């Protein structure tokens, strides 16, 4: 059994701890192959923040399945988006 991103067990653990369905979750991260892949592969909305290792060029090269649902310059914009 594997644990961590992007494995199924991680999505299951988040759902169990929060008591929420995946349709009510959003994962935020700065890596396409871990954070965003966790969301995309397991039914959780995935938001990429461009404050880490992933660049806009990486996003442009990614396949449709690898791309985030939402793209933000930083988590500051996420706060404004979620809480107005």
PDB file of N, CA and C in Angstrom:
ATOM      1  N   UNK A   1       0.847  -1.172   0.000  1.00  0.00           N
ATOM      2  CA  UNK A   1       0.000   0.000   0.000  1.00  0.00           C
ATOM      3  C   UNK A   1       0.892   1.234   0.000  1.00  0.00           C
ATOM      4  N   UNK A   2       0.467   2.219  -0.790  1.00  0.00           N
ATOM      5  CA  UNK A   2       1.192   3.480  -0.867  1.00  0.00           C
ATOM      6  C   UNK A   2       0.390   4.566  -0.175  1.00  0.00           C
ATOM      7  N   UNK A   3       1.085   5.504   0.407  1.00  0.00           N
ATOM      8  CA  UNK A   3       0.420   6.642   1.019  1.00  0.00           C
ATOM      9  C   UNK A   3       1.173   7.892   0.617  1.00  0.00           C
ATOM     10  N   UNK A   4       0.445   8.924   0.331  1.00  0.00           N
ATOM     11  CA  UNK A   4       1.035  10.192  -0.099  1.00  0.00           C
ATOM     12  C   UNK A   4       0.375  10.629  -1.389  1.00  0.00           C
ATOM     13  N   UNK A   5       0.865  11.687  -1.941  1.00  0.00           N
ATOM     14  CA  UNK A   5       0.301  12.192  -3.186  1.00  0.00           C
ATOM     15  C   UNK A   5       1.045  11.556  -4.349  1.00  0.00           C
ATOM     16  N   UNK A   6       0.412  11.104  -5.350  1.00  0.00           N
ATOM     17  CA  UNK A   6      -0.980  11.247  -5.778  1.00  0.00           C
ATOM     18  C   UNK A   6      -1.841  10.005  -5.546  1.00  0.00           C
ATOM     19  N   UNK A   7      -1.561   9.222  -4.548  1.00  0.00           N
ATOM     20  CA  UNK A   7      -2.234   7.936  -4.373  1.00  0.00           C
ATOM     21  C   UNK A   7      -3.655   8.056  -3.805  1.00  0.00           C
ATOM     22  N   UNK A   8      -4.481   7.102  -4.165  1.00  0.00           N
ATOM     23  CA  UNK A   8      -5.893   7.029  -3.788  1.00  0.00           C
ATOM     24  C   UNK A   8      -6.068   7.106  -2.277  1.00  0.00           C
ATOM     25  N   UNK A   9      -5.194   6.451  -1.544  1.00  0.00           N
ATOM     26  CA  UNK A   9      -5.313   6.426  -0.084  1.00  0.00           C
ATOM     27  C   UNK A   9      -5.295   7.831   0.526  1.00  0.00           C
ATOM     28  N   UNK A  10      -4.590   8.735  -0.095  1.00  0.00           N
ATOM     29  CA  UNK A  10      -4.548  10.110   0.403  1.00  0.00           C
ATOM     30  C   UNK A  10      -5.916  10.763   0.274  1.00  0.00           C
ATOM     31  N   UNK A  11      -6.550  10.613  -0.878  1.00  0.00           N
ATOM     32  CA  UNK A  11      -7.890  11.173  -1.084  1.00  0.00           C
ATOM     33  C   UNK A  11      -8.887  10.540  -0.112  1.00  0.00           C
ATOM     34  N   UNK A  12      -8.774   9.242   0.092  1.00  0.00           N
ATOM     35  CA  UNK A  12      -9.671   8.552   1.023  1.00  0.00           C
ATOM     36  C   UNK A  12      -9.483   9.049   2.453  1.00  0.00           C
ATOM     37  N   UNK A  13      -8.238   9.269   2.858  1.00  0.00           N
ATOM     38  CA  UNK A  13      -7.959   9.757   4.199  1.00  0.00           C
ATOM     39  C   UNK A  13      -8.536  11.153   4.412  1.00  0.00           C
ATOM     40  N   UNK A  14      -8.376  12.035   3.435  1.00  0.00           N
ATOM     41  CA  UNK A  14      -8.918  13.392   3.551  1.00  0.00           C
ATOM     42  C   UNK A  14     -10.436  13.336   3.697  1.00  0.00           C
ATOM     43  N   UNK A  15     -11.087  12.505   2.893  1.00  0.00           N
ATOM     44  CA  UNK A  15     -12.544  12.365   2.972  1.00  0.00           C
ATOM     45  C   UNK A  15     -12.968  11.829   4.333  1.00  0.00           C
ATOM     46  N   UNK A  16     -12.239  10.861   4.832  1.00  0.00           N
ATOM     47  CA  UNK A  16     -12.583  10.266   6.131  1.00  0.00           C
ATOM     48  C   UNK A  16     -12.399  11.271   7.268  1.00  0.00           C
ATOM     49  N   UNK A  17     -11.298  11.992   7.266  1.00  0.00           N
ATOM     50  CA  UNK A  17     -11.013  12.949   8.337  1.00  0.00           C
ATOM     51  C   UNK A  17     -12.001  14.110   8.328  1.00  0.00           C
ATOM     52  N   UNK A  18     -12.311  14.611   7.133  1.00  0.00           N
ATOM     53  CA  UNK A  18     -13.186  15.782   7.050  1.00  0.00           C
ATOM     54  C   UNK A  18     -14.669  15.429   7.067  1.00  0.00           C
ATOM     55  N   UNK A  19     -14.986  14.182   6.701  1.00  0.00           N
ATOM     56  CA  UNK A  19     -16.384  13.797   6.606  1.00  0.00           C
ATOM     57  C   UNK A  19     -17.076  14.380   5.383  1.00  0.00           C
ATOM     58  N   UNK A  20     -16.304  14.871   4.443  1.00  0.00           N
ATOM     59  CA  UNK A  20     -16.844  15.492   3.229  1.00  0.00           C
ATOM     60  C   UNK A  20     -16.686  14.565   2.035  1.00  0.00           C
ATOM     61  N   UNK A  21     -17.614  14.709   1.110  1.00  0.00           N
ATOM     62  CA  UNK A  21     -17.472  14.016  -0.162  1.00  0.00           C
ATOM     63  C   UNK A  21     -16.453  14.735  -1.033  1.00  0.00           C
ATOM     64  N   UNK A  22     -15.850  14.018  -1.918  1.00  0.00           N
ATOM     65  CA  UNK A  22     -14.821  14.614  -2.779  1.00  0.00           C
ATOM     66  C   UNK A  22     -15.348  15.761  -3.621  1.00  0.00           C
ATOM     67  N   UNK A  23     -16.646  15.734  -3.926  1.00  0.00           N
ATOM     68  CA  UNK A  23     -17.236  16.818  -4.720  1.00  0.00           C
ATOM     69  C   UNK A  23     -17.266  18.136  -3.951  1.00  0.00           C
ATOM     70  N   UNK A  24     -17.050  18.088  -2.633  1.00  0.00           N
ATOM     71  CA  UNK A  24     -17.024  19.288  -1.791  1.00  0.00           C
ATOM     72  C   UNK A  24     -15.614  19.696  -1.392  1.00  0.00           C
ATOM     73  N   UNK A  25     -14.614  19.071  -1.972  1.00  0.00           N
ATOM     74  CA  UNK A  25     -13.221  19.347  -1.614  1.00  0.00           C
ATOM     75  C   UNK A  25     -12.499  20.081  -2.730  1.00  0.00           C
ATOM     76  N   UNK A  26     -11.420  20.755  -2.323  1.00  0.00           N
ATOM     77  CA  UNK A  26     -10.496  21.342  -3.291  1.00  0.00           C
ATOM     78  C   UNK A  26      -9.101  21.191  -2.712  1.00  0.00           C
ATOM     79  N   UNK A  27      -8.193  20.701  -3.532  1.00  0.00           N
ATOM     80  CA  UNK A  27      -6.800  20.575  -3.110  1.00  0.00           C
ATOM     81  C   UNK A  27      -6.006  21.711  -3.756  1.00  0.00           C
ATOM     82  N   UNK A  28      -5.139  22.320  -2.966  1.00  0.00           N
ATOM     83  CA  UNK A  28      -4.269  23.390  -3.444  1.00  0.00           C
ATOM     84  C   UNK A  28      -2.841  22.879  -3.423  1.00  0.00           C
ATOM     85  N   UNK A  29      -2.090  23.197  -4.449  1.00  0.00           N
ATOM     86  CA  UNK A  29      -0.698  22.782  -4.460  1.00  0.00           C
ATOM     87  C   UNK A  29       0.089  23.462  -5.548  1.00  0.00           C
ATOM     88  N   UNK A  30       1.396  23.214  -5.520  1.00  0.00           N
ATOM     89  CA  UNK A  30       2.282  23.861  -6.494  1.00  0.00           C
ATOM     90  C   UNK A  30       2.976  22.872  -7.427  1.00  0.00           C
ATOM     91  N   UNK A  31       2.536  21.617  -7.416  1.00  0.00           N
ATOM     92  CA  UNK A  31       3.156  20.610  -8.286  1.00  0.00           C
ATOM     93  C   UNK A  31       2.085  19.851  -9.066  1.00  0.00           C
ATOM     94  N   UNK A  32       2.270  19.786 -10.374  1.00  0.00           N
ATOM     95  CA  UNK A  32       1.318  19.073 -11.220  1.00  0.00           C
ATOM     96  C   UNK A  32       1.310  17.581 -10.925  1.00  0.00           C
ATOM     97  N   UNK A  33       2.481  16.996 -10.714  1.00  0.00           N
ATOM     98  CA  UNK A  33       2.599  15.541 -10.624  1.00  0.00           C
ATOM     99  C   UNK A  33       2.283  14.971  -9.245  1.00  0.00           C
ATOM    100  N   UNK A  34       2.071  15.833  -8.254  1.00  0.00           N
ATOM    101  CA  UNK A  34       1.680  15.336  -6.928  1.00  0.00           C
ATOM    102  C   UNK A  34       0.335  15.937  -6.516  1.00  0.00           C
ATOM    103  N   UNK A  35       0.342  17.212  -6.177  1.00  0.00           N
ATOM    104  CA  UNK A  35      -0.857  17.873  -5.662  1.00  0.00           C
ATOM    105  C   UNK A  35      -2.007  17.842  -6.670  1.00  0.00           C
ATOM    106  N   UNK A  36      -1.755  18.343  -7.860  1.00  0.00           N
ATOM    107  CA  UNK A  36      -2.808  18.433  -8.869  1.00  0.00           C
ATOM    108  C   UNK A  36      -3.213  17.040  -9.329  1.00  0.00           C
ATOM    109  N   UNK A  37      -2.261  16.139  -9.468  1.00  0.00           N
ATOM    110  CA  UNK A  37      -2.579  14.762  -9.857  1.00  0.00           C
ATOM    111  C   UNK A  37      -3.478  14.083  -8.830  1.00  0.00           C
ATOM    112  N   UNK A  38      -3.288  14.375  -7.551  1.00  0.00           N
ATOM    113  CA  UNK A  38      -4.145  13.793  -6.518  1.00  0.00           C
ATOM    114  C   UNK A  38      -5.596  14.183  -6.765  1.00  0.00           C
ATOM    115  N   UNK A  39      -5.824  15.448  -6.982  1.00  0.00           N
ATOM    116  CA  UNK A  39      -7.187  15.899  -7.237  1.00  0.00           C
ATOM    117  C   UNK A  39      -7.753  15.336  -8.528  1.00  0.00           C
ATOM    118  N   UNK A  40      -7.017  15.472  -9.592  1.00  0.00           N
ATOM    119  CA  UNK A  40      -7.519  15.068 -10.913  1.00  0.00           C
ATOM    120  C   UNK A  40      -7.818  13.571 -10.977  1.00  0.00           C
ATOM    121  N   UNK A  41      -6.991  12.763 -10.365  1.00  0.00           N
ATOM    122  CA  UNK A  41      -7.172  11.307 -10.429  1.00  0.00           C
ATOM    123  C   UNK A  41      -8.262  10.788  -9.509  1.00  0.00           C
ATOM    124  N   UNK A  42      -8.634  11.579  -8.492  1.00  0.00           N
ATOM    125  CA  UNK A  42      -9.517  11.044  -7.461  1.00  0.00           C
ATOM    126  C   UNK A  42     -10.753  11.900  -7.196  1.00  0.00           C
ATOM    127  N   UNK A  43     -11.149  12.707  -8.179  1.00  0.00           N
ATOM    128  CA  UNK A  43     -12.413  13.422  -8.093  1.00  0.00           C
ATOM    129  C   UNK A  43     -12.459  14.606  -7.153  1.00  0.00           C
ATOM    130  N   UNK A  44     -11.317  15.229  -6.918  1.00  0.00           N
ATOM    131  CA  UNK A  44     -11.244  16.418  -6.062  1.00  0.00           C
ATOM    132  C   UNK A  44     -10.809  17.586  -6.941  1.00  0.00           C
ATOM    133  N   UNK A  45     -11.495  18.719  -6.844  1.00  0.00           N
ATOM    134  CA  UNK A  45     -11.081  19.897  -7.606  1.00  0.00           C
ATOM    135  C   UNK A  45      -9.646  20.252  -7.228  1.00  0.00           C
ATOM    136  N   UNK A  46      -8.860  20.617  -8.225  1.00  0.00           N
ATOM    137  CA  UNK A  46      -7.437  20.865  -7.999  1.00  0.00           C
ATOM    138  C   UNK A  46      -7.055  22.277  -8.443  1.00  0.00           C
ATOM    139  N   UNK A  47      -6.453  23.028  -7.510  1.00  0.00           N
ATOM    140  CA  UNK A  47      -6.010  24.386  -7.792  1.00  0.00           C
ATOM    141  C   UNK A  47      -4.494  24.452  -7.718  1.00  0.00           C
ATOM    142  N   UNK A  48      -3.895  24.931  -8.790  1.00  0.00           N
ATOM    143  CA  UNK A  48      -2.446  25.109  -8.837  1.00  0.00           C
ATOM    144  C   UNK A  48      -2.112  26.542  -8.485  1.00  0.00           C
ATOM    145  N   UNK A  49      -1.182  26.721  -7.545  1.00  0.00           N
ATOM    146  CA  UNK A  49      -0.661  28.048  -7.233  1.00  0.00           C
ATOM    147  C   UNK A  49       0.750  28.127  -7.799  1.00  0.00           C
ATOM    148  N   UNK A  50       1.034  29.232  -8.451  1.00  0.00           N
ATOM    149  CA  UNK A  50       2.313  29.382  -9.153  1.00  0.00           C
ATOM    150  C   UNK A  50       3.398  29.971  -8.260  1.00  0.00           C
ATOM    151  N   UNK A  51       3.439  29.571  -7.002  1.00  0.00           N
ATOM    152  CA  UNK A  51       4.457  30.074  -6.078  1.00  0.00           C
ATOM    153  C   UNK A  51       5.520  29.028  -5.790  1.00  0.00           C
ATOM    154  N   UNK A  52       5.425  27.876  -6.436  1.00  0.00           N
ATOM    155  CA  UNK A  52       6.382  26.799  -6.199  1.00  0.00           C
ATOM    156  C   UNK A  52       7.131  26.448  -7.460  1.00  0.00           C
ATOM    157  N   UNK A  53       7.357  25.157  -7.645  1.00  0.00           N
ATOM    158  CA  UNK A  53       8.210  24.733  -8.750  1.00  0.00           C
ATOM    159  C   UNK A  53       7.542  24.733 -10.113  1.00  0.00           C
ATOM    160  N   UNK A  54       6.215  24.634 -10.178  1.00  0.00           N
ATOM    161  CA  UNK A  54       5.539  24.574 -11.468  1.00  0.00           C
ATOM    162  C   UNK A  54       5.435  25.958 -12.084  1.00  0.00           C
ATOM    163  N   UNK A  55       5.759  26.030 -13.361  1.00  0.00           N
ATOM    164  CA  UNK A  55       5.686  27.297 -14.091  1.00  0.00           C
ATOM    165  C   UNK A  55       4.507  27.268 -15.057  1.00  0.00           C
ATOM    166  N   UNK A  56       4.171  28.416 -15.598  1.00  0.00           N
ATOM    167  CA  UNK A  56       3.110  28.485 -16.595  1.00  0.00           C
ATOM    168  C   UNK A  56       3.483  27.656 -17.814  1.00  0.00           C
ATOM    169  N   UNK A  57       4.754  27.605 -18.165  1.00  0.00           N
ATOM    170  CA  UNK A  57       5.210  26.785 -19.294  1.00  0.00           C
ATOM    171  C   UNK A  57       4.930  25.302 -19.026  1.00  0.00           C
ATOM    172  N   UNK A  58       5.094  24.860 -17.787  1.00  0.00           N
ATOM    173  CA  UNK A  58       4.781  23.467 -17.430  1.00  0.00           C
ATOM    174  C   UNK A  58       3.295  23.186 -17.640  1.00  0.00           C
ATOM    175  N   UNK A  59       2.460  24.116 -17.239  1.00  0.00           N
ATOM    176  CA  UNK A  59       1.013  23.951 -17.399  1.00  0.00           C
ATOM    177  C   UNK A  59       0.662  23.871 -18.874  1.00  0.00           C
ATOM    178  N   UNK A  60       1.258  24.720 -19.670  1.00  0.00           N
ATOM    179  CA  UNK A  60       0.986  24.733 -21.106  1.00  0.00           C
ATOM    180  C   UNK A  60       1.415  23.437 -21.780  1.00  0.00           C
ATOM    181  N   UNK A  61       2.474  22.810 -21.283  1.00  0.00           N
ATOM    182  CA  UNK A  61       2.951  21.534 -21.844  1.00  0.00           C
ATOM    183  C   UNK A  61       2.151  20.331 -21.354  1.00  0.00           C
ATOM    184  N   UNK A  62       1.442  20.487 -20.263  1.00  0.00           N
ATOM    185  CA  UNK A  62       0.706  19.372 -19.655  1.00  0.00           C
ATOM    186  C   UNK A  62      -0.476  18.961 -20.527  1.00  0.00           C
ATOM    187  N   UNK A  63      -0.846  17.694 -20.406  1.00  0.00           N
ATOM    188  CA  UNK A  63      -2.049  17.223 -21.096  1.00  0.00           C
ATOM    189  C   UNK A  63      -3.280  17.766 -20.372  1.00  0.00           C
ATOM    190  N   UNK A  64      -4.418  17.673 -21.005  1.00  0.00           N
ATOM    191  CA  UNK A  64      -5.662  18.139 -20.392  1.00  0.00           C
ATOM    192  C   UNK A  64      -5.904  17.461 -19.049  1.00  0.00           C
ATOM    193  N   UNK A  65      -5.617  16.167 -18.955  1.00  0.00           N
ATOM    194  CA  UNK A  65      -5.823  15.412 -17.718  1.00  0.00           C
ATOM    195  C   UNK A  65      -4.873  15.826 -16.601  1.00  0.00           C
ATOM    196  N   UNK A  66      -3.749  16.410 -16.959  1.00  0.00           N
ATOM    197  CA  UNK A  66      -2.747  16.816 -15.969  1.00  0.00           C
ATOM    198  C   UNK A  66      -2.931  18.254 -15.491  1.00  0.00           C
ATOM    199  N   UNK A  67      -3.763  19.012 -16.171  1.00  0.00           N
ATOM    200  CA  UNK A  67      -3.926  20.433 -15.848  1.00  0.00           C
ATOM    201  C   UNK A  67      -4.873  20.648 -14.671  1.00  0.00           C
ATOM    202  N   UNK A  68      -4.633  21.717 -13.919  1.00  0.00           N
ATOM    203  CA  UNK A  68      -5.494  22.012 -12.768  1.00  0.00           C
ATOM    204  C   UNK A  68      -6.871  22.502 -13.216  1.00  0.00           C
ATOM    205  N   UNK A  69      -7.814  22.401 -12.311  1.00  0.00           N
ATOM    206  CA  UNK A  69      -9.143  22.962 -12.551  1.00  0.00           C
ATOM    207  C   UNK A  69      -9.122  24.483 -12.447  1.00  0.00           C
ATOM    208  N   UNK A  70      -8.233  24.990 -11.587  1.00  0.00           N
ATOM    209  CA  UNK A  70      -8.112  26.423 -11.347  1.00  0.00           C
ATOM    210  C   UNK A  70      -6.635  26.751 -11.202  1.00  0.00           C
ATOM    211  N   UNK A  71      -6.242  27.922 -11.668  1.00  0.00           N
ATOM    212  CA  UNK A  71      -4.849  28.362 -11.619  1.00  0.00           C
ATOM    213  C   UNK A  71      -4.804  29.732 -10.952  1.00  0.00           C
ATOM    214  N   UNK A  72      -3.964  29.868  -9.921  1.00  0.00           N
ATOM    215  CA  UNK A  72      -3.849  31.125  -9.190  1.00  0.00           C
ATOM    216  C   UNK A  72      -2.383  31.516  -9.042  1.00  0.00           C
ATOM    217  N   UNK A  73      -2.103  32.817  -9.034  1.00  0.00           N
ATOM    218  CA  UNK A  73      -0.721  33.261  -8.834  1.00  0.00           C
ATOM    219  C   UNK A  73      -0.172  32.888  -7.458  1.00  0.00           C
ATOM    220  N   UNK A  74      -1.050  32.918  -6.427  1.00  0.00           N
ATOM    221  CA  UNK A  74      -0.618  32.593  -5.065  1.00  0.00           C
ATOM    222  C   UNK A  74      -1.827  32.232  -4.218  1.00  0.00           C
ATOM    223  N   UNK A  75      -1.575  31.803  -2.990  1.00  0.00           N
ATOM    224  CA  UNK A  75      -2.667  31.484  -2.071  1.00  0.00           C
ATOM    225  C   UNK A  75      -3.427  32.727  -1.616  1.00  0.00           C
ATOM    226  N   UNK A  76      -2.823  33.902  -1.732  1.00  0.00           N
ATOM    227  CA  UNK A  76      -3.525  35.138  -1.367  1.00  0.00           C
ATOM    228  C   UNK A  76      -4.787  35.301  -2.209  1.00  0.00           C
ATOM    229  N   UNK A  77      -4.702  34.966  -3.483  1.00  0.00           N
ATOM    230  CA  UNK A  77      -5.870  35.044  -4.351  1.00  0.00           C
ATOM    231  C   UNK A  77      -6.917  33.992  -3.977  1.00  0.00           C
ATOM    232  N   UNK A  78      -6.469  32.866  -3.471  1.00  0.00           N
ATOM    233  CA  UNK A  78      -7.403  31.828  -3.038  1.00  0.00           C
ATOM    234  C   UNK A  78      -8.233  32.332  -1.869  1.00  0.00           C
ATOM    235  N   UNK A  79      -7.619  33.005  -0.948  1.00  0.00           N
ATOM    236  CA  UNK A  79      -8.316  33.543   0.202  1.00  0.00           C
ATOM    237  C   UNK A  79      -9.412  34.524  -0.247  1.00  0.00           C
ATOM    238  N   UNK A  80      -9.067  35.411  -1.153  1.00  0.00           N
ATOM    239  CA  UNK A  80     -10.040  36.384  -1.656  1.00  0.00           C
ATOM    240  C   UNK A  80     -11.149  35.691  -2.436  1.00  0.00           C
ATOM    241  N   UNK A  81     -10.813  34.694  -3.207  1.00  0.00           N
ATOM    242  CA  UNK A  81     -11.787  33.954  -4.002  1.00  0.00           C
ATOM    243  C   UNK A  81     -12.781  33.201  -3.120  1.00  0.00           C
ATOM    244  N   UNK A  82     -12.279  32.560  -2.083  1.00  0.00           N
ATOM    245  CA  UNK A  82     -13.116  31.747  -1.217  1.00  0.00           C
ATOM    246  C   UNK A  82     -13.914  32.552  -0.194  1.00  0.00           C
ATOM    247  N   UNK A  83     -13.319  33.628   0.311  1.00  0.00           N
ATOM    248  CA  UNK A  83     -13.936  34.358   1.424  1.00  0.00           C
ATOM    249  C   UNK A  83     -14.300  35.793   1.091  1.00  0.00           C
ATOM    250  N   UNK A  84     -14.115  36.171  -0.180  1.00  0.00           N
ATOM    251  CA  UNK A  84     -14.537  37.497  -0.637  1.00  0.00           C
ATOM    252  C   UNK A  84     -13.707  38.569  -0.078  1.00  0.00           C
TER     253      UNK A  84
END
